[in-house]
């Protein structure tokens, strides 16, 4: 489902992988365009069953709005939420905010699916 704000598109593609729903997020996530990710995660929390892996390898930028969305998703999904393959930008953001000690982070999508 492509979305854009201010010329900075974000894309969220979904697929199934060994019983897990994988959300592949591409683009820049900020206050102006993080809503599609929030809406998708909240919908999955309402409707889904099983692990939800968020592939963050293609996220070029993220801000505190993204952190808030991920924390809300964690509240809604609990241990079913798994963040995978964070880009260097997200690794730095997670380390600076301490999110890397709160949310389950996996080096690869495969490891997150298998967990």
N, C-alpha and C. Protein backbone atom coordinates (compact mmCIF):
# COMPACT_ATOMS: atom_id res chain seq x y z
N UNK A 1 0.83 -1.18 0.00
CA UNK A 1 0.00 0.00 0.00
C UNK A 1 0.87 1.24 0.00
N UNK A 2 1.16 1.83 -1.12
CA UNK A 2 2.01 3.01 -1.16
C UNK A 2 1.31 4.22 -0.56
N UNK A 3 2.07 4.99 0.18
CA UNK A 3 1.59 6.24 0.77
C UNK A 3 2.69 7.27 0.57
N UNK A 4 2.31 8.52 0.55
CA UNK A 4 3.36 9.52 0.49
C UNK A 4 2.94 10.77 1.21
N UNK A 5 3.92 11.50 1.64
CA UNK A 5 3.71 12.77 2.30
C UNK A 5 4.92 13.65 2.00
N UNK A 6 4.67 14.80 1.47
CA UNK A 6 5.76 15.73 1.21
C UNK A 6 6.81 15.17 0.27
N UNK A 7 6.42 14.30 -0.64
CA UNK A 7 7.38 13.75 -1.57
C UNK A 7 8.23 12.63 -1.00
N UNK A 8 7.95 12.22 0.22
CA UNK A 8 8.72 11.16 0.86
C UNK A 8 7.83 9.93 1.01
N UNK A 9 7.82 9.04 0.05
CA UNK A 9 6.91 7.90 0.10
C UNK A 9 7.33 6.85 1.12
N UNK A 10 6.34 6.18 1.66
CA UNK A 10 6.56 5.00 2.48
C UNK A 10 5.71 3.89 1.88
N UNK A 11 6.26 2.71 1.87
CA UNK A 11 5.55 1.57 1.29
C UNK A 11 5.56 0.43 2.31
N UNK A 12 4.43 -0.24 2.43
CA UNK A 12 4.34 -1.39 3.32
C UNK A 12 3.77 -2.55 2.51
N UNK A 13 4.60 -3.55 2.29
CA UNK A 13 4.17 -4.76 1.59
C UNK A 13 4.07 -5.88 2.62
N UNK A 14 3.11 -6.78 2.43
CA UNK A 14 2.93 -7.87 3.36
C UNK A 14 3.09 -9.21 2.64
N UNK A 15 3.56 -10.19 3.42
CA UNK A 15 3.66 -11.55 2.91
C UNK A 15 3.66 -12.51 4.10
N UNK A 16 3.35 -13.73 3.84
CA UNK A 16 3.40 -14.79 4.86
C UNK A 16 4.73 -15.53 4.73
N UNK A 17 5.31 -15.88 5.87
CA UNK A 17 6.54 -16.65 5.87
C UNK A 17 6.51 -17.60 7.06
N UNK A 18 6.32 -18.87 6.79
CA UNK A 18 6.33 -19.91 7.83
C UNK A 18 5.45 -19.57 9.02
N UNK A 19 4.24 -19.11 8.75
CA UNK A 19 3.28 -18.82 9.81
C UNK A 19 3.36 -17.42 10.38
N UNK A 20 4.32 -16.63 9.94
CA UNK A 20 4.45 -15.25 10.41
C UNK A 20 4.00 -14.29 9.32
N UNK A 21 3.38 -13.21 9.73
CA UNK A 21 3.06 -12.12 8.81
C UNK A 21 4.28 -11.21 8.78
N UNK A 22 4.83 -10.98 7.60
CA UNK A 22 5.99 -10.11 7.45
C UNK A 22 5.54 -8.81 6.79
N UNK A 23 5.82 -7.70 7.45
CA UNK A 23 5.56 -6.36 6.90
C UNK A 23 6.89 -5.80 6.45
N UNK A 24 7.03 -5.56 5.16
CA UNK A 24 8.26 -5.00 4.61
C UNK A 24 8.04 -3.50 4.44
N UNK A 25 8.76 -2.72 5.23
CA UNK A 25 8.58 -1.26 5.23
C UNK A 25 9.73 -0.63 4.45
N UNK A 26 9.36 0.24 3.50
CA UNK A 26 10.35 0.89 2.65
C UNK A 26 10.09 2.39 2.66
N UNK A 27 11.14 3.19 2.80
CA UNK A 27 11.01 4.64 2.71
C UNK A 27 11.43 5.35 3.97
N UNK A 28 10.83 6.51 4.17
CA UNK A 28 11.14 7.35 5.31
C UNK A 28 9.93 7.42 6.22
N UNK A 29 10.15 7.17 7.50
CA UNK A 29 9.07 7.21 8.49
C UNK A 29 9.26 8.42 9.38
N UNK A 30 8.33 9.34 9.30
CA UNK A 30 8.38 10.50 10.18
C UNK A 30 6.95 10.90 10.56
N UNK A 31 6.83 11.96 11.30
CA UNK A 31 5.53 12.40 11.81
C UNK A 31 4.51 12.55 10.69
N UNK A 32 4.95 12.99 9.51
CA UNK A 32 4.03 13.23 8.41
C UNK A 32 3.55 11.98 7.70
N UNK A 33 4.30 10.87 7.81
CA UNK A 33 3.88 9.70 7.03
C UNK A 33 4.02 8.36 7.74
N UNK A 34 4.07 8.35 9.05
CA UNK A 34 4.16 7.09 9.78
C UNK A 34 2.78 6.47 10.02
N UNK A 35 1.72 7.21 9.77
CA UNK A 35 0.36 6.72 10.03
C UNK A 35 0.04 5.40 9.33
N UNK A 36 0.44 5.17 8.08
CA UNK A 36 0.13 3.88 7.46
C UNK A 36 0.72 2.68 8.23
N UNK A 37 1.92 2.85 8.76
CA UNK A 37 2.51 1.77 9.54
C UNK A 37 1.72 1.58 10.83
N UNK A 38 1.36 2.65 11.49
CA UNK A 38 0.57 2.58 12.72
C UNK A 38 -0.76 1.87 12.45
N UNK A 39 -1.45 2.29 11.40
CA UNK A 39 -2.74 1.71 11.07
C UNK A 39 -2.61 0.22 10.74
N UNK A 40 -1.58 -0.14 9.99
CA UNK A 40 -1.37 -1.54 9.63
C UNK A 40 -1.10 -2.38 10.87
N UNK A 41 -0.25 -1.91 11.75
CA UNK A 41 0.08 -2.66 12.95
C UNK A 41 -1.13 -2.79 13.88
N UNK A 42 -1.91 -1.74 14.01
CA UNK A 42 -3.10 -1.81 14.86
C UNK A 42 -4.14 -2.77 14.27
N UNK A 43 -4.29 -2.76 12.95
CA UNK A 43 -5.21 -3.68 12.28
C UNK A 43 -4.77 -5.12 12.48
N UNK A 44 -3.49 -5.37 12.33
CA UNK A 44 -2.95 -6.70 12.53
C UNK A 44 -3.18 -7.15 13.97
N UNK A 45 -3.02 -6.25 14.92
CA UNK A 45 -3.25 -6.58 16.33
C UNK A 45 -4.70 -6.98 16.56
N UNK A 46 -5.62 -6.31 15.88
CA UNK A 46 -7.05 -6.63 16.03
C UNK A 46 -7.41 -7.95 15.34
N UNK A 47 -6.85 -8.17 14.16
CA UNK A 47 -7.27 -9.29 13.32
C UNK A 47 -6.33 -10.48 13.31
N UNK A 48 -5.08 -10.24 13.62
CA UNK A 48 -4.06 -11.25 13.39
C UNK A 48 -3.95 -12.31 14.46
N UNK A 49 -3.25 -13.34 14.07
CA UNK A 49 -2.94 -14.43 14.97
C UNK A 49 -1.56 -14.93 14.57
N UNK A 50 -0.65 -14.94 15.50
CA UNK A 50 0.70 -15.38 15.19
C UNK A 50 1.68 -14.23 15.16
N UNK A 51 2.92 -14.55 14.89
CA UNK A 51 3.98 -13.54 14.90
C UNK A 51 3.83 -12.50 13.78
N UNK A 52 4.26 -11.29 14.10
CA UNK A 52 4.28 -10.19 13.14
C UNK A 52 5.71 -9.69 13.09
N UNK A 53 6.34 -9.87 11.94
CA UNK A 53 7.73 -9.46 11.74
C UNK A 53 7.73 -8.19 10.90
N UNK A 54 8.36 -7.15 11.42
CA UNK A 54 8.46 -5.89 10.69
C UNK A 54 9.89 -5.79 10.16
N UNK A 55 10.02 -5.92 8.84
CA UNK A 55 11.31 -5.84 8.16
C UNK A 55 11.65 -4.37 7.96
N UNK A 56 12.66 -3.90 8.66
CA UNK A 56 13.03 -2.48 8.65
C UNK A 56 14.30 -2.20 7.85
N UNK A 57 14.73 -3.15 7.06
CA UNK A 57 16.00 -3.01 6.36
C UNK A 57 16.01 -1.90 5.31
N UNK A 58 14.85 -1.52 4.80
CA UNK A 58 14.78 -0.51 3.74
C UNK A 58 14.21 0.83 4.24
N UNK A 59 14.28 1.05 5.55
CA UNK A 59 13.83 2.33 6.10
C UNK A 59 15.00 3.29 6.09
N UNK A 60 14.84 4.38 5.34
CA UNK A 60 15.92 5.34 5.14
C UNK A 60 16.00 6.40 6.24
N UNK A 61 14.89 6.62 6.94
CA UNK A 61 14.85 7.64 7.99
C UNK A 61 13.71 7.30 8.93
N UNK A 62 13.89 7.61 10.20
CA UNK A 62 12.83 7.43 11.19
C UNK A 62 13.04 8.45 12.30
N UNK A 63 11.93 8.86 12.92
CA UNK A 63 12.02 9.82 14.01
C UNK A 63 11.25 9.31 15.23
N UNK A 64 11.04 10.18 16.20
CA UNK A 64 10.38 9.77 17.44
C UNK A 64 8.94 9.32 17.22
N UNK A 65 8.30 9.79 16.17
CA UNK A 65 6.94 9.32 15.87
C UNK A 65 6.97 7.82 15.55
N UNK A 66 8.01 7.38 14.90
CA UNK A 66 8.17 5.96 14.60
C UNK A 66 8.37 5.16 15.87
N UNK A 67 9.16 5.69 16.79
CA UNK A 67 9.37 5.03 18.08
C UNK A 67 8.03 4.86 18.78
N UNK A 68 7.20 5.90 18.79
CA UNK A 68 5.89 5.82 19.43
C UNK A 68 5.01 4.77 18.78
N UNK A 69 5.02 4.70 17.46
CA UNK A 69 4.22 3.70 16.74
C UNK A 69 4.67 2.29 17.13
N UNK A 70 5.96 2.07 17.18
CA UNK A 70 6.48 0.75 17.52
C UNK A 70 6.17 0.37 18.96
N UNK A 71 6.20 1.34 19.86
CA UNK A 71 5.84 1.07 21.26
C UNK A 71 4.36 0.73 21.39
N UNK A 72 3.50 1.45 20.66
CA UNK A 72 2.06 1.13 20.67
C UNK A 72 1.82 -0.27 20.11
N UNK A 73 2.55 -0.60 19.05
CA UNK A 73 2.40 -1.94 18.47
C UNK A 73 2.85 -3.00 19.47
N UNK A 74 3.91 -2.72 20.19
CA UNK A 74 4.37 -3.67 21.20
C UNK A 74 3.32 -3.85 22.28
N UNK A 75 2.70 -2.77 22.70
CA UNK A 75 1.62 -2.85 23.69
C UNK A 75 0.46 -3.70 23.17
N UNK A 76 0.14 -3.54 21.89
CA UNK A 76 -1.00 -4.25 21.30
C UNK A 76 -0.68 -5.71 20.96
N UNK A 77 0.54 -5.97 20.51
CA UNK A 77 0.89 -7.30 20.02
C UNK A 77 1.71 -8.13 21.00
N UNK A 78 2.33 -7.47 21.96
CA UNK A 78 3.16 -8.19 22.92
C UNK A 78 4.31 -8.91 22.23
N UNK A 79 4.54 -10.15 22.64
CA UNK A 79 5.67 -10.91 22.12
C UNK A 79 5.49 -11.34 20.67
N UNK A 80 4.32 -11.14 20.11
CA UNK A 80 4.11 -11.47 18.69
C UNK A 80 4.85 -10.50 17.78
N UNK A 81 5.14 -9.29 18.27
CA UNK A 81 5.86 -8.29 17.46
C UNK A 81 7.35 -8.58 17.47
N UNK A 82 7.92 -8.62 16.27
CA UNK A 82 9.35 -8.84 16.11
C UNK A 82 9.89 -7.87 15.07
N UNK A 83 10.86 -7.08 15.44
CA UNK A 83 11.47 -6.12 14.52
C UNK A 83 12.72 -6.76 13.94
N UNK A 84 12.84 -6.69 12.61
CA UNK A 84 13.93 -7.41 11.95
C UNK A 84 14.76 -6.52 11.05
N UNK A 85 16.04 -6.85 10.98
CA UNK A 85 16.98 -6.25 10.04
C UNK A 85 16.93 -4.73 10.02
N UNK A 86 17.01 -4.09 11.20
CA UNK A 86 16.94 -2.62 11.18
C UNK A 86 18.09 -2.02 10.39
N UNK A 87 17.76 -1.01 9.60
CA UNK A 87 18.79 -0.28 8.85
C UNK A 87 19.73 0.40 9.84
N UNK A 88 20.85 0.87 9.36
CA UNK A 88 21.82 1.57 10.22
C UNK A 88 21.17 2.77 10.90
N UNK A 89 20.31 3.46 10.18
CA UNK A 89 19.60 4.62 10.76
C UNK A 89 18.76 4.19 11.94
N UNK A 90 18.03 3.09 11.79
CA UNK A 90 17.17 2.62 12.88
C UNK A 90 17.99 2.02 14.02
N UNK A 91 19.07 1.34 13.71
CA UNK A 91 19.92 0.83 14.78
C UNK A 91 20.38 1.97 15.68
N UNK A 92 20.78 3.06 15.06
CA UNK A 92 21.23 4.22 15.85
C UNK A 92 20.08 4.82 16.65
N UNK A 93 18.92 4.99 16.04
CA UNK A 93 17.75 5.53 16.75
C UNK A 93 17.37 4.63 17.92
N UNK A 94 17.35 3.32 17.70
CA UNK A 94 16.98 2.39 18.76
C UNK A 94 17.98 2.43 19.91
N UNK A 95 19.27 2.54 19.58
CA UNK A 95 20.30 2.61 20.62
C UNK A 95 20.19 3.91 21.41
N UNK A 96 19.98 5.02 20.72
CA UNK A 96 19.88 6.33 21.39
C UNK A 96 18.67 6.42 22.31
N UNK A 97 17.57 5.80 21.91
CA UNK A 97 16.33 5.89 22.69
C UNK A 97 16.19 4.75 23.70
N UNK A 98 17.05 3.74 23.61
CA UNK A 98 16.93 2.60 24.50
C UNK A 98 15.90 1.58 24.03
N UNK A 99 15.35 1.80 22.87
CA UNK A 99 14.34 0.89 22.33
C UNK A 99 14.91 -0.50 22.08
N UNK A 100 16.20 -0.56 21.84
CA UNK A 100 16.84 -1.86 21.59
C UNK A 100 16.82 -2.75 22.83
N UNK A 101 16.54 -2.18 23.99
CA UNK A 101 16.44 -2.98 25.21
C UNK A 101 14.99 -3.32 25.57
N UNK A 102 14.05 -2.73 24.84
CA UNK A 102 12.63 -2.91 25.14
C UNK A 102 11.94 -3.82 24.12
N UNK A 103 12.24 -3.63 22.86
CA UNK A 103 11.58 -4.38 21.80
C UNK A 103 12.45 -5.51 21.30
N UNK A 104 11.81 -6.59 20.84
CA UNK A 104 12.58 -7.71 20.30
C UNK A 104 13.14 -7.37 18.92
N UNK A 105 14.46 -7.29 18.83
CA UNK A 105 15.14 -6.97 17.58
C UNK A 105 15.91 -8.19 17.09
N UNK A 106 15.80 -8.46 15.80
CA UNK A 106 16.47 -9.60 15.20
C UNK A 106 17.32 -9.11 14.04
N UNK A 107 18.45 -9.75 13.87
CA UNK A 107 19.41 -9.38 12.84
C UNK A 107 18.85 -9.55 11.44
N UNK A 108 18.05 -10.59 11.24
CA UNK A 108 17.49 -10.88 9.93
C UNK A 108 16.01 -11.21 10.05
N UNK A 109 15.30 -11.14 8.94
CA UNK A 109 13.90 -11.54 8.90
C UNK A 109 13.79 -13.03 9.22
N UNK A 110 14.67 -13.81 8.65
CA UNK A 110 14.65 -15.25 8.91
C UNK A 110 14.74 -15.60 10.38
N UNK A 111 15.65 -14.93 11.09
CA UNK A 111 15.79 -15.18 12.53
C UNK A 111 14.54 -14.74 13.29
N UNK A 112 13.92 -13.65 12.87
CA UNK A 112 12.71 -13.18 13.53
C UNK A 112 11.55 -14.15 13.31
N UNK A 113 11.45 -14.69 12.12
CA UNK A 113 10.39 -15.65 11.81
C UNK A 113 10.58 -16.92 12.63
N UNK A 114 11.82 -17.37 12.75
CA UNK A 114 12.12 -18.61 13.47
C UNK A 114 12.00 -18.49 14.98
N UNK A 115 12.09 -17.30 15.52
CA UNK A 115 12.09 -17.10 16.97
C UNK A 115 10.83 -17.59 17.63
